[in-house]
Amino acid sequence: CTALARRQAELGHRTFCCATIREMEGMAAAGLGDDLLLANEVLDATRLGRLDARVTVAVDSAATIEAAAEGGVREVLIDVNVGLPRCGCMPGDAGRLADLA
C-alpha cells in the first residue's frame, strides 16, 4: 500500500483511507501521515493515538467513541449504516453519537 500511496503523493494526493491499524502504522512510518482515515471501527485505538500522523477513525457506537478518546485519537467520523448490514449506526442515532463525540 505504501508504494502505491507514495506514487499518489508524488502527484499531489496526501489523504489516504486505510482498512487496518497496521496499514495506518505503515503509512505513517512511510511519511504519508498528513491525513489518514481508518475506515473500520476499533475498540482499542491506543496504537493509533501514538502515530505521528493526523488520524481520523470511524465510529458507530458509544464504545468506539470512548475507545478513540481513550487511545488519544481526537478526530472521528460517524459511520452510518446506509443499508448494508455490515457496520455503522442506525441513521437516527448519528446525531446523538456526534454530540457524544
PDB file of N, CA and C in Angstrom:
ATOM      1  N   CYS A   1       0.813  -1.209   0.000  1.00  0.00           N
ATOM      2  CA  CYS A   1       0.000   0.000   0.000  1.00  0.00           C
ATOM      3  C   CYS A   1       0.846   1.258   0.000  1.00  0.00           C
ATOM      4  N   THR A   2       1.963   1.222   0.729  1.00  0.00           N
ATOM      5  CA  THR A   2       2.766   2.447   0.822  1.00  0.00           C
ATOM      6  C   THR A   2       3.414   2.795  -0.509  1.00  0.00           C
ATOM      7  N   ALA A   3       3.790   1.797  -1.298  1.00  0.00           N
ATOM      8  CA  ALA A   3       4.400   2.088  -2.605  1.00  0.00           C
ATOM      9  C   ALA A   3       3.400   2.799  -3.515  1.00  0.00           C
ATOM     10  N   LEU A   4       2.177   2.309  -3.542  1.00  0.00           N
ATOM     11  CA  LEU A   4       1.135   2.947  -4.347  1.00  0.00           C
ATOM     12  C   LEU A   4       0.807   4.334  -3.793  1.00  0.00           C
ATOM     13  N   ALA A   5       0.705   4.446  -2.483  1.00  0.00           N
ATOM     14  CA  ALA A   5       0.405   5.744  -1.858  1.00  0.00           C
ATOM     15  C   ALA A   5       1.520   6.745  -2.131  1.00  0.00           C
ATOM     16  N   ARG A   6       2.758   6.289  -2.105  1.00  0.00           N
ATOM     17  CA  ARG A   6       3.878   7.196  -2.380  1.00  0.00           C
ATOM     18  C   ARG A   6       3.771   7.746  -3.803  1.00  0.00           C
ATOM     19  N   ARG A   7       3.382   6.894  -4.746  1.00  0.00           N
ATOM     20  CA  ARG A   7       3.200   7.358  -6.128  1.00  0.00           C
ATOM     21  C   ARG A   7       2.078   8.387  -6.204  1.00  0.00           C
ATOM     22  N   GLN A   8       0.991   8.143  -5.478  1.00  0.00           N
ATOM     23  CA  GLN A   8      -0.104   9.107  -5.452  1.00  0.00           C
ATOM     24  C   GLN A   8       0.339  10.414  -4.814  1.00  0.00           C
ATOM     25  N   ALA A   9       1.117  10.330  -3.735  1.00  0.00           N
ATOM     26  CA  ALA A   9       1.602  11.529  -3.049  1.00  0.00           C
ATOM     27  C   ALA A   9       2.495  12.358  -3.966  1.00  0.00           C
ATOM     28  N   GLU A  10       3.294  11.690  -4.783  1.00  0.00           N
ATOM     29  CA  GLU A  10       4.152  12.406  -5.734  1.00  0.00           C
ATOM     30  C   GLU A  10       3.335  13.215  -6.734  1.00  0.00           C
ATOM     31  N   LEU A  11       2.104  12.790  -6.949  1.00  0.00           N
ATOM     32  CA  LEU A  11       1.200  13.501  -7.857  1.00  0.00           C
ATOM     33  C   LEU A  11       0.295  14.485  -7.126  1.00  0.00           C
ATOM     34  N   GLY A  12       0.541  14.657  -5.815  1.00  0.00           N
ATOM     35  CA  GLY A  12      -0.178  15.669  -5.048  1.00  0.00           C
ATOM     36  C   GLY A  12      -1.270  15.165  -4.125  1.00  0.00           C
ATOM     37  N   HIS A  13      -1.553  13.877  -4.124  1.00  0.00           N
ATOM     38  CA  HIS A  13      -2.599  13.342  -3.260  1.00  0.00           C
ATOM     39  C   HIS A  13      -2.004  13.033  -1.888  1.00  0.00           C
ATOM     40  N   ARG A  14      -2.536  13.639  -0.823  1.00  0.00           N
ATOM     41  CA  ARG A  14      -1.943  13.470   0.510  1.00  0.00           C
ATOM     42  C   ARG A  14      -2.920  12.940   1.552  1.00  0.00           C
ATOM     43  N   THR A  15      -4.089  12.481   1.159  1.00  0.00           N
ATOM     44  CA  THR A  15      -5.053  11.916   2.102  1.00  0.00           C
ATOM     45  C   THR A  15      -5.320  10.467   1.718  1.00  0.00           C
ATOM     46  N   PHE A  16      -5.342   9.598   2.743  1.00  0.00           N
ATOM     47  CA  PHE A  16      -5.468   8.174   2.460  1.00  0.00           C
ATOM     48  C   PHE A  16      -6.423   7.495   3.432  1.00  0.00           C
ATOM     49  N   CYS A  17      -7.150   6.526   2.916  1.00  0.00           N
ATOM     50  CA  CYS A  17      -8.070   5.716   3.702  1.00  0.00           C
ATOM     51  C   CYS A  17      -7.437   4.342   3.898  1.00  0.00           C
ATOM     52  N   CYS A  18      -7.444   3.870   5.127  1.00  0.00           N
ATOM     53  CA  CYS A  18      -6.836   2.581   5.458  1.00  0.00           C
ATOM     54  C   CYS A  18      -7.880   1.650   6.062  1.00  0.00           C
ATOM     55  N   ALA A  19      -7.594   0.343   5.980  1.00  0.00           N
ATOM     56  CA  ALA A  19      -8.532  -0.656   6.485  1.00  0.00           C
ATOM     57  C   ALA A  19      -8.118  -1.221   7.834  1.00  0.00           C
ATOM     58  N   THR A  20      -6.837  -1.140   8.176  1.00  0.00           N
ATOM     59  CA  THR A  20      -6.350  -1.747   9.414  1.00  0.00           C
ATOM     60  C   THR A  20      -5.417  -0.800  10.152  1.00  0.00           C
ATOM     61  N   ILE A  21      -5.244  -1.059  11.434  1.00  0.00           N
ATOM     62  CA  ILE A  21      -4.293  -0.276  12.228  1.00  0.00           C
ATOM     63  C   ILE A  21      -2.889  -0.466  11.679  1.00  0.00           C
ATOM     64  N   ARG A  22      -2.546  -1.687  11.324  1.00  0.00           N
ATOM     65  CA  ARG A  22      -1.206  -1.944  10.788  1.00  0.00           C
ATOM     66  C   ARG A  22      -0.961  -1.137   9.507  1.00  0.00           C
ATOM     67  N   GLU A  23      -1.967  -1.035   8.667  1.00  0.00           N
ATOM     68  CA  GLU A  23      -1.826  -0.229   7.455  1.00  0.00           C
ATOM     69  C   GLU A  23      -1.616   1.244   7.811  1.00  0.00           C
ATOM     70  N   MET A  24      -2.326   1.734   8.807  1.00  0.00           N
ATOM     71  CA  MET A  24      -2.142   3.118   9.269  1.00  0.00           C
ATOM     72  C   MET A  24      -0.708   3.324   9.756  1.00  0.00           C
ATOM     73  N   GLU A  25      -0.207   2.372  10.527  1.00  0.00           N
ATOM     74  CA  GLU A  25       1.163   2.462  11.039  1.00  0.00           C
ATOM     75  C   GLU A  25       2.174   2.500   9.895  1.00  0.00           C
ATOM     76  N   GLY A  26       1.969   1.667   8.891  1.00  0.00           N
ATOM     77  CA  GLY A  26       2.870   1.647   7.743  1.00  0.00           C
ATOM     78  C   GLY A  26       2.859   2.950   6.975  1.00  0.00           C
ATOM     79  N   MET A  27       1.682   3.507   6.791  1.00  0.00           N
ATOM     80  CA  MET A  27       1.575   4.783   6.072  1.00  0.00           C
ATOM     81  C   MET A  27       2.280   5.898   6.838  1.00  0.00           C
ATOM     82  N   ALA A  28       2.067   5.952   8.151  1.00  0.00           N
ATOM     83  CA  ALA A  28       2.723   6.980   8.965  1.00  0.00           C
ATOM     84  C   ALA A  28       4.237   6.790   8.934  1.00  0.00           C
ATOM     85  N   ALA A  29       4.693   5.562   9.068  1.00  0.00           N
ATOM     86  CA  ALA A  29       6.143   5.281   9.058  1.00  0.00           C
ATOM     87  C   ALA A  29       6.772   5.654   7.720  1.00  0.00           C
ATOM     88  N   ALA A  30       5.992   5.579   6.644  1.00  0.00           N
ATOM     89  CA  ALA A  30       6.494   5.916   5.314  1.00  0.00           C
ATOM     90  C   ALA A  30       6.421   7.421   5.043  1.00  0.00           C
ATOM     91  N   GLY A  31       6.011   8.197   6.046  1.00  0.00           N
ATOM     92  CA  GLY A  31       5.918   9.645   5.868  1.00  0.00           C
ATOM     93  C   GLY A  31       4.666  10.082   5.132  1.00  0.00           C
ATOM     94  N   LEU A  32       3.645   9.240   5.144  1.00  0.00           N
ATOM     95  CA  LEU A  32       2.411   9.532   4.420  1.00  0.00           C
ATOM     96  C   LEU A  32       1.249   9.791   5.376  1.00  0.00           C
ATOM     97  N   GLY A  33       1.536  10.420   6.509  1.00  0.00           N
ATOM     98  CA  GLY A  33       0.540  10.617   7.545  1.00  0.00           C
ATOM     99  C   GLY A  33      -0.086  11.990   7.603  1.00  0.00           C
ATOM    100  N   ASP A  34      -0.121  12.708   6.497  1.00  0.00           N
ATOM    101  CA  ASP A  34      -0.739  14.038   6.509  1.00  0.00           C
ATOM    102  C   ASP A  34      -2.205  13.981   6.908  1.00  0.00           C
ATOM    103  N   ASP A  35      -2.917  12.947   6.456  1.00  0.00           N
ATOM    104  CA  ASP A  35      -4.347  12.835   6.725  1.00  0.00           C
ATOM    105  C   ASP A  35      -4.763  11.389   6.465  1.00  0.00           C
ATOM    106  N   LEU A  36      -4.877  10.594   7.528  1.00  0.00           N
ATOM    107  CA  LEU A  36      -5.208   9.180   7.415  1.00  0.00           C
ATOM    108  C   LEU A  36      -6.559   8.897   8.058  1.00  0.00           C
ATOM    109  N   LEU A  37      -7.384   8.115   7.380  1.00  0.00           N
ATOM    110  CA  LEU A  37      -8.674   7.686   7.905  1.00  0.00           C
ATOM    111  C   LEU A  37      -8.660   6.173   8.066  1.00  0.00           C
ATOM    112  N   LEU A  38      -8.947   5.699   9.271  1.00  0.00           N
ATOM    113  CA  LEU A  38      -9.185   4.280   9.480  1.00  0.00           C
ATOM    114  C   LEU A  38     -10.681   4.082   9.306  1.00  0.00           C
ATOM    115  N   ALA A  39     -11.070   3.407   8.239  1.00  0.00           N
ATOM    116  CA  ALA A  39     -12.482   3.287   7.885  1.00  0.00           C
ATOM    117  C   ALA A  39     -13.217   2.222   8.679  1.00  0.00           C
ATOM    118  N   ASN A  40     -12.537   1.522   9.551  1.00  0.00           N
ATOM    119  CA  ASN A  40     -13.159   0.480  10.368  1.00  0.00           C
ATOM    120  C   ASN A  40     -13.129   0.871  11.837  1.00  0.00           C
ATOM    121  N   GLU A  41     -14.177   0.506  12.542  1.00  0.00           N
ATOM    122  CA  GLU A  41     -14.271   0.803  13.959  1.00  0.00           C
ATOM    123  C   GLU A  41     -13.333  -0.121  14.743  1.00  0.00           C
ATOM    124  N   VAL A  42     -12.746   0.416  15.823  1.00  0.00           N
ATOM    125  CA  VAL A  42     -11.880  -0.384  16.693  1.00  0.00           C
ATOM    126  C   VAL A  42     -12.234  -0.111  18.142  1.00  0.00           C
ATOM    127  N   LEU A  43     -11.985  -1.106  18.981  1.00  0.00           N
ATOM    128  CA  LEU A  43     -12.239  -0.954  20.415  1.00  0.00           C
ATOM    129  C   LEU A  43     -10.960  -0.676  21.191  1.00  0.00           C
ATOM    130  N   ASP A  44      -9.824  -0.623  20.503  1.00  0.00           N
ATOM    131  CA  ASP A  44      -8.557  -0.245  21.119  1.00  0.00           C
ATOM    132  C   ASP A  44      -7.807   0.625  20.124  1.00  0.00           C
ATOM    133  N   ALA A  45      -7.805   1.922  20.370  1.00  0.00           N
ATOM    134  CA  ALA A  45      -7.176   2.882  19.456  1.00  0.00           C
ATOM    135  C   ALA A  45      -5.835   3.372  19.977  1.00  0.00           C
ATOM    136  N   THR A  46      -5.276   2.691  20.958  1.00  0.00           N
ATOM    137  CA  THR A  46      -4.028   3.120  21.576  1.00  0.00           C
ATOM    138  C   THR A  46      -2.910   3.281  20.548  1.00  0.00           C
ATOM    139  N   ARG A  47      -2.758   2.314  19.668  1.00  0.00           N
ATOM    140  CA  ARG A  47      -1.693   2.395  18.660  1.00  0.00           C
ATOM    141  C   ARG A  47      -1.924   3.559  17.705  1.00  0.00           C
ATOM    142  N   LEU A  48      -3.167   3.865  17.419  1.00  0.00           N
ATOM    143  CA  LEU A  48      -3.472   4.987  16.531  1.00  0.00           C
ATOM    144  C   LEU A  48      -3.096   6.312  17.176  1.00  0.00           C
ATOM    145  N   GLY A  49      -3.355   6.437  18.465  1.00  0.00           N
ATOM    146  CA  GLY A  49      -3.044   7.669  19.177  1.00  0.00           C
ATOM    147  C   GLY A  49      -1.556   7.950  19.276  1.00  0.00           C
ATOM    148  N   ARG A  50      -0.739   6.938  19.100  1.00  0.00           N
ATOM    149  CA  ARG A  50       0.721   7.096  19.177  1.00  0.00           C
ATOM    150  C   ARG A  50       1.358   7.493  17.856  1.00  0.00           C
ATOM    151  N   LEU A  51       0.598   7.439  16.785  1.00  0.00           N
ATOM    152  CA  LEU A  51       1.172   7.712  15.470  1.00  0.00           C
ATOM    153  C   LEU A  51       1.528   9.183  15.299  1.00  0.00           C
ATOM    154  N   ASP A  52       2.604   9.418  14.582  1.00  0.00           N
ATOM    155  CA  ASP A  52       2.982  10.771  14.198  1.00  0.00           C
ATOM    156  C   ASP A  52       2.262  11.065  12.883  1.00  0.00           C
ATOM    157  N   ALA A  53       0.961  11.309  12.995  1.00  0.00           N
ATOM    158  CA  ALA A  53       0.120  11.486  11.816  1.00  0.00           C
ATOM    159  C   ALA A  53      -1.185  12.133  12.246  1.00  0.00           C
ATOM    160  N   ARG A  54      -1.880  12.700  11.277  1.00  0.00           N
ATOM    161  CA  ARG A  54      -3.244  13.154  11.518  1.00  0.00           C
ATOM    162  C   ARG A  54      -4.134  11.928  11.310  1.00  0.00           C
ATOM    163  N   VAL A  55      -4.798  11.497  12.369  1.00  0.00           N
ATOM    164  CA  VAL A  55      -5.577  10.265  12.346  1.00  0.00           C
ATOM    165  C   VAL A  55      -7.047  10.572  12.605  1.00  0.00           C
ATOM    166  N   THR A  56      -7.894  10.016  11.761  1.00  0.00           N
ATOM    167  CA  THR A  56      -9.335  10.023  11.968  1.00  0.00           C
ATOM    168  C   THR A  56      -9.780   8.574  11.969  1.00  0.00           C
ATOM    169  N   VAL A  57     -10.692   8.224  12.859  1.00  0.00           N
ATOM    170  CA  VAL A  57     -11.188   6.854  12.912  1.00  0.00           C
ATOM    171  C   VAL A  57     -12.714   6.863  12.822  1.00  0.00           C
ATOM    172  N   ALA A  58     -13.250   5.877  12.104  1.00  0.00           N
ATOM    173  CA  ALA A  58     -14.694   5.722  12.011  1.00  0.00           C
ATOM    174  C   ALA A  58     -15.225   5.184  13.336  1.00  0.00           C
ATOM    175  N   VAL A  59     -16.357   5.696  13.767  1.00  0.00           N
ATOM    176  CA  VAL A  59     -17.016   5.237  14.993  1.00  0.00           C
ATOM    177  C   VAL A  59     -18.490   5.011  14.695  1.00  0.00           C
ATOM    178  N   ASP A  60     -19.096   4.057  15.424  1.00  0.00           N
ATOM    179  CA  ASP A  60     -20.518   3.799  15.204  1.00  0.00           C
ATOM    180  C   ASP A  60     -21.274   3.487  16.490  1.00  0.00           C
ATOM    181  N   SER A  61     -20.619   3.761  17.625  1.00  0.00           N
ATOM    182  CA  SER A  61     -21.251   3.464  18.918  1.00  0.00           C
ATOM    183  C   SER A  61     -20.544   4.265  19.997  1.00  0.00           C
ATOM    184  N   ALA A  62     -21.170   4.304  21.174  1.00  0.00           N
ATOM    185  CA  ALA A  62     -20.518   4.959  22.306  1.00  0.00           C
ATOM    186  C   ALA A  62     -19.202   4.260  22.634  1.00  0.00           C
ATOM    187  N   ALA A  63     -19.168   2.934  22.508  1.00  0.00           N
ATOM    188  CA  ALA A  63     -17.948   2.179  22.824  1.00  0.00           C
ATOM    189  C   ALA A  63     -16.795   2.550  21.896  1.00  0.00           C
ATOM    190  N   THR A  64     -17.061   2.724  20.605  1.00  0.00           N
ATOM    191  CA  THR A  64     -15.960   3.074  19.698  1.00  0.00           C
ATOM    192  C   THR A  64     -15.540   4.532  19.854  1.00  0.00           C
ATOM    193  N   ILE A  65     -16.468   5.395  20.239  1.00  0.00           N
ATOM    194  CA  ILE A  65     -16.108   6.791  20.526  1.00  0.00           C
ATOM    195  C   ILE A  65     -15.209   6.839  21.766  1.00  0.00           C
ATOM    196  N   GLU A  66     -15.585   6.102  22.809  1.00  0.00           N
ATOM    197  CA  GLU A  66     -14.770   6.042  24.023  1.00  0.00           C
ATOM    198  C   GLU A  66     -13.395   5.453  23.739  1.00  0.00           C
ATOM    199  N   ALA A  67     -13.330   4.423  22.908  1.00  0.00           N
ATOM    200  CA  ALA A  67     -12.043   3.813  22.564  1.00  0.00           C
ATOM    201  C   ALA A  67     -11.144   4.815  21.849  1.00  0.00           C
ATOM    202  N   ALA A  68     -11.719   5.600  20.948  1.00  0.00           N
ATOM    203  CA  ALA A  68     -10.929   6.622  20.243  1.00  0.00           C
ATOM    204  C   ALA A  68     -10.381   7.638  21.238  1.00  0.00           C
ATOM    205  N   ALA A  69     -11.235   8.137  22.109  1.00  0.00           N
ATOM    206  CA  ALA A  69     -10.803   9.135  23.091  1.00  0.00           C
ATOM    207  C   ALA A  69      -9.743   8.571  24.025  1.00  0.00           C
ATOM    208  N   GLU A  70      -9.965   7.359  24.526  1.00  0.00           N
ATOM    209  CA  GLU A  70      -9.002   6.739  25.440  1.00  0.00           C
ATOM    210  C   GLU A  70      -7.675   6.452  24.749  1.00  0.00           C
ATOM    211  N   GLY A  71      -7.716   6.185  23.443  1.00  0.00           N
ATOM    212  CA  GLY A  71      -6.499   5.906  22.698  1.00  0.00           C
ATOM    213  C   GLY A  71      -5.762   7.139  22.237  1.00  0.00           C
ATOM    214  N   GLY A  72      -6.340   8.312  22.444  1.00  0.00           N
ATOM    215  CA  GLY A  72      -5.676   9.550  22.052  1.00  0.00           C
ATOM    216  C   GLY A  72      -6.026  10.034  20.652  1.00  0.00           C
ATOM    217  N   VAL A  73      -7.044   9.445  20.039  1.00  0.00           N
ATOM    218  CA  VAL A  73      -7.497   9.888  18.723  1.00  0.00           C
ATOM    219  C   VAL A  73      -8.540  10.969  18.932  1.00  0.00           C
ATOM    220  N   ARG A  74      -8.309  12.131  18.339  1.00  0.00           N
ATOM    221  CA  ARG A  74      -9.192  13.275  18.583  1.00  0.00           C
ATOM    222  C   ARG A  74     -10.135  13.570  17.427  1.00  0.00           C
ATOM    223  N   GLU A  75      -9.973  12.887  16.302  1.00  0.00           N
ATOM    224  CA  GLU A  75     -10.853  13.129  15.164  1.00  0.00           C
ATOM    225  C   GLU A  75     -11.578  11.833  14.828  1.00  0.00           C
ATOM    226  N   VAL A  76     -12.912  11.923  14.761  1.00  0.00           N
ATOM    227  CA  VAL A  76     -13.717  10.755  14.426  1.00  0.00           C
ATOM    228  C   VAL A  76     -14.702  11.109  13.324  1.00  0.00           C
ATOM    229  N   LEU A  77     -15.181  10.063  12.682  1.00  0.00           N
ATOM    230  CA  LEU A  77     -16.176  10.166  11.634  1.00  0.00           C
ATOM    231  C   LEU A  77     -17.300   9.211  12.007  1.00  0.00           C
ATOM    232  N   ILE A  78     -18.520   9.706  12.060  1.00  0.00           N
ATOM    233  CA  ILE A  78     -19.644   8.847  12.408  1.00  0.00           C
ATOM    234  C   ILE A  78     -19.982   7.979  11.190  1.00  0.00           C
ATOM    235  N   ASP A  79     -19.870   6.677  11.359  1.00  0.00           N
ATOM    236  CA  ASP A  79     -20.177   5.709  10.305  1.00  0.00           C
ATOM    237  C   ASP A  79     -21.651   5.347  10.420  1.00  0.00           C
ATOM    238  N   VAL A  80     -22.405   5.613   9.360  1.00  0.00           N
ATOM    239  CA  VAL A  80     -23.845   5.382   9.352  1.00  0.00           C
ATOM    240  C   VAL A  80     -24.163   4.199   8.434  1.00  0.00           C
ATOM    241  N   ASN A  81     -24.959   3.272   8.933  1.00  0.00           N
ATOM    242  CA  ASN A  81     -25.404   2.132   8.132  1.00  0.00           C
ATOM    243  C   ASN A  81     -26.395   2.644   7.089  1.00  0.00           C
ATOM    244  N   VAL A  82     -26.018   2.514   5.839  1.00  0.00           N
ATOM    245  CA  VAL A  82     -26.871   3.008   4.751  1.00  0.00           C
ATOM    246  C   VAL A  82     -27.618   1.872   4.058  1.00  0.00           C
ATOM    247  N   GLY A  83     -27.742   0.744   4.750  1.00  0.00           N
ATOM    248  CA  GLY A  83     -28.496  -0.365   4.207  1.00  0.00           C
ATOM    249  C   GLY A  83     -27.683  -1.620   3.973  1.00  0.00           C
ATOM    250  N   LEU A  84     -26.381  -1.521   4.111  1.00  0.00           N
ATOM    251  CA  LEU A  84     -25.522  -2.698   4.022  1.00  0.00           C
ATOM    252  C   LEU A  84     -25.247  -3.132   5.455  1.00  0.00           C
ATOM    253  N   PRO A  85     -25.817  -4.201   5.913  1.00  0.00           N
ATOM    254  CA  PRO A  85     -25.752  -4.534   7.346  1.00  0.00           C
ATOM    255  C   PRO A  85     -24.383  -5.051   7.784  1.00  0.00           C
ATOM    256  N   ARG A  86     -23.370  -4.235   7.594  1.00  0.00           N
ATOM    257  CA  ARG A  86     -22.017  -4.625   7.960  1.00  0.00           C
ATOM    258  C   ARG A  86     -21.539  -3.871   9.189  1.00  0.00           C
ATOM    259  N   CYS A  87     -21.663  -2.582   9.152  1.00  0.00           N
ATOM    260  CA  CYS A  87     -21.260  -1.741  10.280  1.00  0.00           C
ATOM    261  C   CYS A  87     -21.982  -0.416  10.145  1.00  0.00           C
ATOM    262  N   GLY A  88     -21.748   0.456  11.081  1.00  0.00           N
ATOM    263  CA  GLY A  88     -22.403   1.748  11.056  1.00  0.00           C
ATOM    264  C   GLY A  88     -23.612   1.782  11.967  1.00  0.00           C
ATOM    265  N   CYS A  89     -23.863   2.953  12.506  1.00  0.00           N
ATOM    266  CA  CYS A  89     -25.010   3.129  13.387  1.00  0.00           C
ATOM    267  C   CYS A  89     -26.271   3.328  12.558  1.00  0.00           C
ATOM    268  N   MET A  90     -27.401   3.206  13.211  1.00  0.00           N
ATOM    269  CA  MET A  90     -28.665   3.500  12.550  1.00  0.00           C
ATOM    270  C   MET A  90     -28.715   5.013  12.281  1.00  0.00           C
ATOM    271  N   PRO A  91     -29.288   5.419  11.155  1.00  0.00           N
ATOM    272  CA  PRO A  91     -29.321   6.851  10.826  1.00  0.00           C
ATOM    273  C   PRO A  91     -29.873   7.722  11.958  1.00  0.00           C
ATOM    274  N   GLY A  92     -30.865   7.234  12.669  1.00  0.00           N
ATOM    275  CA  GLY A  92     -31.457   8.007  13.754  1.00  0.00           C
ATOM    276  C   GLY A  92     -30.540   8.197  14.952  1.00  0.00           C
ATOM    277  N   ASP A  93     -29.477   7.400  15.051  1.00  0.00           N
ATOM    278  CA  ASP A  93     -28.524   7.516  16.162  1.00  0.00           C
ATOM    279  C   ASP A  93     -27.339   8.421  15.849  1.00  0.00           C
ATOM    280  N   ALA A  94     -27.181   8.811  14.595  1.00  0.00           N
ATOM    281  CA  ALA A  94     -25.988   9.553  14.176  1.00  0.00           C
ATOM    282  C   ALA A  94     -25.825  10.879  14.924  1.00  0.00           C
ATOM    283  N   GLY A  95     -26.900  11.620  15.094  1.00  0.00           N
ATOM    284  CA  GLY A  95     -26.807  12.913  15.777  1.00  0.00           C
ATOM    285  C   GLY A  95     -26.393  12.762  17.230  1.00  0.00           C
ATOM    286  N   ARG A  96     -26.987  11.799  17.922  1.00  0.00           N
ATOM    287  CA  ARG A  96     -26.640  11.547  19.321  1.00  0.00           C
ATOM    288  C   ARG A  96     -25.169  11.149  19.454  1.00  0.00           C
ATOM    289  N   LEU A  97     -24.696  10.308  18.550  1.00  0.00           N
ATOM    290  CA  LEU A  97     -23.292   9.899  18.597  1.00  0.00           C
ATOM    291  C   LEU A  97     -22.365  11.059  18.258  1.00  0.00           C
ATOM    292  N   ALA A  98     -22.769  11.900  17.324  1.00  0.00           N
ATOM    293  CA  ALA A  98     -21.958  13.074  17.003  1.00  0.00           C
ATOM    294  C   ALA A  98     -21.857  14.004  18.197  1.00  0.00           C
ATOM    295  N   ASP A  99     -22.958  14.180  18.914  1.00  0.00           N
ATOM    296  CA  ASP A  99     -22.923  15.011  20.124  1.00  0.00           C
ATOM    297  C   ASP A  99     -21.986  14.399  21.171  1.00  0.00           C
ATOM    298  N   LEU A 100     -22.031  13.097  21.327  1.00  0.00           N
ATOM    299  CA  LEU A 100     -21.154  12.418  22.281  1.00  0.00           C
ATOM    300  C   LEU A 100     -19.684  12.580  21.874  1.00  0.00           C
ATOM    301  N   ALA A 101     -19.434  12.442  20.585  1.00  0.00           N
ATOM    302  CA  ALA A 101     -18.061  12.565  20.099  1.00  0.00           C
ATOM    303  C   ALA A 101     -17.536  13.964  20.324  1.00  0.00           C
TER     304      ALA A 101
END
